[in-house]
Amino acid sequence: MEEKQLQEYMELTLGTNLAKAKEELEDYQSLYDQAAFQFDLTHFTQDIRLNTSETSQDKSLVQTGDLVISNALKLAAIVSPENSGKLLTNNFIRVSLITDCDHPLNKYYFLYLFNESNHLAKQKNQELQLQGNTVVKRIPISAYNAMNLPIVSTEEQQRIGKIYIETKKVKQHLQDYAETIEDFSFSMIEQHIKDGGTK
């Protein structure tokens, strides 16, 4: 299996300084925060396309289809339409896939590798261990750039990426269904108690 460094397929850019972002907040809708990231991590819109330099005019704002990495969670997500236009802070890293190379990386294949594969997990853990007992552990961009990615054919990347996304969608649907049943059951219990219980 061929391996190549992450930096050969993408450029990573740290978001705007948080203190500066708060000063400029009046000019923006809101900050892209952990709540927004968690939403994007579990909600997948069909056929989201990554933005190019022609469609993303303000580089400090995230747009639908942008790839971002959470420094806190060490996971990646694709920005949903619900969070488009929010200000990206230095709690996150913007991922710009290089598209003018011979074999660009499939974005969904990258999501699988970064979030689920043992290959990347081991490299992230090794980097975190090097930081010792640091309270706030962040993996620097230079370390991400040097991480090795397993590279398969373009067709195989597309196949793996599709399986990953469809699996995540099914998982989310099941979780939503379970929450609906739970809410209904608890509301029935509450009403039963209000009615005085079993007589």
Protein backbone atom coordinates (compact mmCIF):
# COMPACT_ATOMS: atom_id res chain seq x y z
CA MET A 1 0.00 0.00 0.00
CA GLU A 2 1.35 3.39 -1.02
CA GLU A 3 1.65 6.12 1.61
CA LYS A 4 2.13 9.84 1.13
CA GLN A 5 2.32 12.79 3.48
CA LEU A 6 -0.86 14.74 4.13
CA GLN A 7 0.73 17.98 2.87
CA GLU A 8 0.96 16.53 -0.64
CA TYR A 9 -2.85 16.56 -0.92
CA MET A 10 -4.00 19.56 1.11
CA GLU A 11 -3.15 22.90 2.63
CA LEU A 12 -4.02 23.56 6.28
CA THR A 13 -4.74 27.05 7.60
CA LEU A 14 -5.46 28.04 11.20
CA GLY A 15 -8.64 30.06 11.75
CA THR A 16 -8.76 33.68 12.97
CA ASN A 17 -7.43 34.46 16.45
CA LEU A 18 -10.35 34.06 18.87
CA ALA A 19 -9.76 37.38 20.69
CA LYS A 20 -9.61 39.22 17.37
CA ALA A 21 -12.67 37.32 16.14
CA LYS A 22 -14.72 38.50 19.13
CA GLU A 23 -13.74 42.10 18.41
CA GLU A 24 -14.95 41.72 14.82
CA LEU A 25 -18.03 39.67 15.69
CA GLU A 26 -20.41 42.54 15.00
CA ASP A 27 -19.49 42.27 11.34
CA TYR A 28 -20.42 38.60 11.15
CA GLN A 29 -23.42 36.40 11.85
CA SER A 30 -21.69 34.37 14.56
CA LEU A 31 -18.66 32.28 15.38
CA TYR A 32 -18.16 28.76 14.09
CA ASP A 33 -17.96 27.02 17.47
CA GLN A 34 -17.90 23.48 18.84
CA ALA A 35 -21.70 23.25 18.70
CA ALA A 36 -21.60 24.09 14.98
CA PHE A 37 -18.83 21.56 14.45
CA GLN A 38 -20.73 18.83 16.32
CA PHE A 39 -23.76 19.50 14.09
CA ASP A 40 -21.65 19.23 10.94
CA LEU A 41 -19.97 16.09 12.27
CA THR A 42 -23.31 14.26 12.41
CA HIS A 43 -25.31 15.82 9.56
CA PHE A 44 -24.44 15.02 5.99
CA THR A 45 -26.03 16.72 3.00
CA GLN A 46 -26.05 14.81 -0.27
CA ASP A 47 -23.45 15.86 -2.85
CA ILE A 48 -21.99 18.83 -0.96
CA ARG A 49 -19.22 20.27 -3.11
CA LEU A 50 -16.10 21.83 -1.71
CA ASN A 51 -15.71 25.52 -2.43
CA THR A 52 -12.96 26.84 -4.64
CA SER A 53 -11.21 30.19 -4.46
CA GLU A 54 -13.74 31.51 -6.97
CA THR A 55 -16.74 30.77 -4.72
CA SER A 56 -15.23 31.56 -1.29
CA GLN A 57 -14.66 35.31 -1.21
CA ASP A 58 -13.93 35.85 2.50
CA LYS A 59 -11.35 33.33 3.69
CA SER A 60 -12.16 33.99 7.35
CA LEU A 61 -15.71 32.69 6.88
CA VAL A 62 -16.66 29.06 6.35
CA GLN A 63 -18.81 28.16 3.38
CA THR A 64 -20.97 25.13 2.63
CA GLY A 65 -18.68 22.27 1.66
CA ASP A 66 -15.54 23.55 3.42
CA LEU A 67 -13.51 20.95 5.30
CA VAL A 68 -12.53 21.90 8.86
CA ILE A 69 -10.60 20.19 11.66
CA SER A 70 -11.45 20.71 15.33
CA ASN A 71 -8.30 21.30 17.39
CA ALA A 72 -10.12 20.11 20.50
CA LEU A 73 -11.59 16.88 19.10
CA LYS A 74 -8.92 16.11 16.48
CA LEU A 75 -11.73 15.26 14.06
CA ALA A 76 -12.77 16.66 10.68
CA ALA A 77 -16.17 17.67 9.29
CA ILE A 78 -17.71 19.22 6.19
CA VAL A 79 -19.49 22.54 6.81
CA SER A 80 -23.24 22.28 6.32
CA PRO A 81 -25.51 24.95 4.78
CA GLU A 82 -26.80 25.66 8.32
CA ASN A 83 -23.35 26.90 9.38
CA SER A 84 -22.27 28.63 6.20
CA GLY A 85 -21.09 32.22 6.70
CA LYS A 86 -19.80 31.79 10.25
CA LEU A 87 -16.39 33.06 11.33
CA LEU A 88 -13.74 30.36 11.70
CA THR A 89 -11.55 30.83 14.79
CA ASN A 90 -8.19 29.36 15.75
CA ASN A 91 -10.02 26.54 17.53
CA PHE A 92 -10.26 25.08 14.03
CA ILE A 93 -8.12 24.43 10.97
CA ARG A 94 -9.37 24.96 7.41
CA VAL A 95 -8.52 22.12 5.02
CA SER A 96 -8.05 23.06 1.36
CA LEU A 97 -7.70 20.04 -0.89
CA ILE A 98 -5.19 20.43 -3.70
CA THR A 99 -7.12 19.77 -6.90
CA ASP A 100 -4.45 20.45 -9.53
CA CYS A 101 -2.39 17.34 -8.73
CA ASP A 102 -2.50 14.12 -10.77
CA HIS A 103 -4.71 12.24 -8.30
CA PRO A 104 -6.52 14.59 -5.87
CA LEU A 105 -7.78 13.09 -2.62
CA ASN A 106 -11.49 12.34 -2.32
CA LYS A 107 -12.94 14.49 0.49
CA TYR A 108 -15.10 11.72 1.93
CA TYR A 109 -12.18 9.28 1.85
CA PHE A 110 -10.18 11.87 3.79
CA LEU A 111 -13.01 12.16 6.35
CA TYR A 112 -12.93 8.39 6.85
CA LEU A 113 -9.15 8.33 7.25
CA PHE A 114 -9.01 11.29 9.60
CA ASN A 115 -11.97 10.36 11.80
CA GLU A 116 -12.08 6.57 11.80
CA SER A 117 -8.94 4.85 10.55
CA ASN A 118 -6.48 3.29 12.98
CA HIS A 119 -3.69 4.45 10.68
CA LEU A 120 -4.29 8.14 11.43
CA ALA A 121 -5.41 7.53 15.01
CA LYS A 122 -2.01 6.03 15.89
CA GLN A 123 -0.17 8.99 14.40
CA LYS A 124 -2.37 11.51 16.23
CA ASN A 125 -1.90 9.66 19.53
CA GLN A 126 1.86 9.56 19.05
CA GLU A 127 1.93 13.31 18.52
CA LEU A 128 -0.20 13.92 21.63
CA GLN A 129 2.07 11.71 23.74
CA LEU A 130 5.05 13.85 22.74
CA GLN A 131 3.36 16.81 24.44
CA GLY A 132 3.57 15.15 27.86
CA ASN A 133 1.31 16.50 30.59
CA THR A 134 0.27 19.65 28.74
CA VAL A 135 -3.23 20.66 29.90
CA VAL A 136 -4.47 21.75 26.46
CA LYS A 137 -3.12 19.42 23.80
CA ARG A 138 -3.22 20.60 20.20
CA ILE A 139 -1.64 18.96 17.22
CA PRO A 140 0.26 21.65 15.27
CA ILE A 141 -0.26 22.04 11.54
CA SER A 142 3.35 21.01 10.92
CA ALA A 143 2.67 17.64 12.61
CA TYR A 144 -0.53 17.10 10.61
CA ASN A 145 1.36 17.90 7.40
CA ALA A 146 3.93 15.20 8.14
CA MET A 147 1.37 12.47 8.83
CA ASN A 148 1.20 9.64 6.31
CA LEU A 149 -1.99 8.76 4.45
CA PRO A 150 -2.66 5.36 2.87
CA ILE A 151 -3.35 6.03 -0.79
CA VAL A 152 -5.60 3.82 -2.92
CA SER A 153 -6.94 4.35 -6.44
CA THR A 154 -9.36 7.17 -7.16
CA GLU A 155 -12.16 4.66 -7.76
CA GLU A 156 -11.46 2.92 -4.45
CA GLN A 157 -11.40 6.27 -2.62
CA GLN A 158 -14.83 7.10 -4.03
CA ARG A 159 -16.19 3.70 -3.05
CA ILE A 160 -14.84 3.89 0.52
CA GLY A 161 -15.98 7.49 0.89
CA LYS A 162 -19.51 6.65 -0.23
CA ILE A 163 -19.74 3.68 2.15
CA TYR A 164 -18.51 5.86 5.02
CA ILE A 165 -20.98 8.67 4.41
CA GLU A 166 -23.95 6.34 3.89
CA THR A 167 -23.06 4.49 7.09
CA LYS A 168 -22.90 7.75 9.05
CA LYS A 169 -26.27 8.81 7.62
CA VAL A 170 -27.89 5.53 8.69
CA LYS A 171 -26.41 5.92 12.17
CA GLN A 172 -27.82 9.45 12.46
CA HIS A 173 -31.27 8.35 11.29
CA LEU A 174 -31.30 5.57 13.89
CA GLN A 175 -30.24 7.99 16.63
CA ASP A 176 -32.93 10.49 15.59
CA TYR A 177 -35.55 7.70 15.61
CA ALA A 178 -34.42 6.52 19.05
CA GLU A 179 -34.69 10.07 20.41
CA THR A 180 -38.19 10.43 18.95
CA ILE A 181 -39.32 7.22 20.64
CA GLU A 182 -37.73 8.31 23.91
CA ASP A 183 -39.41 11.73 23.82
CA PHE A 184 -42.79 10.13 23.06
CA SER A 185 -42.42 7.57 25.84
CA PHE A 186 -41.40 10.16 28.43
CA SER A 187 -44.24 12.49 27.45
CA MET A 188 -46.70 9.61 27.90
CA ILE A 189 -45.25 8.91 31.35
CA GLU A 190 -45.52 12.59 32.31
CA GLN A 191 -49.15 12.70 31.18
CA HIS A 192 -49.88 9.48 33.07
CA ILE A 193 -48.48 11.02 36.27
CA LYS A 194 -50.49 14.22 35.78
CA ASP A 195 -53.63 12.14 35.35
CA GLY A 196 -53.02 10.57 38.77
CA GLY A 197 -51.46 7.33 37.64
CA THR A 198 -53.17 3.95 37.56
CA LYS A 199 -56.39 3.93 39.56
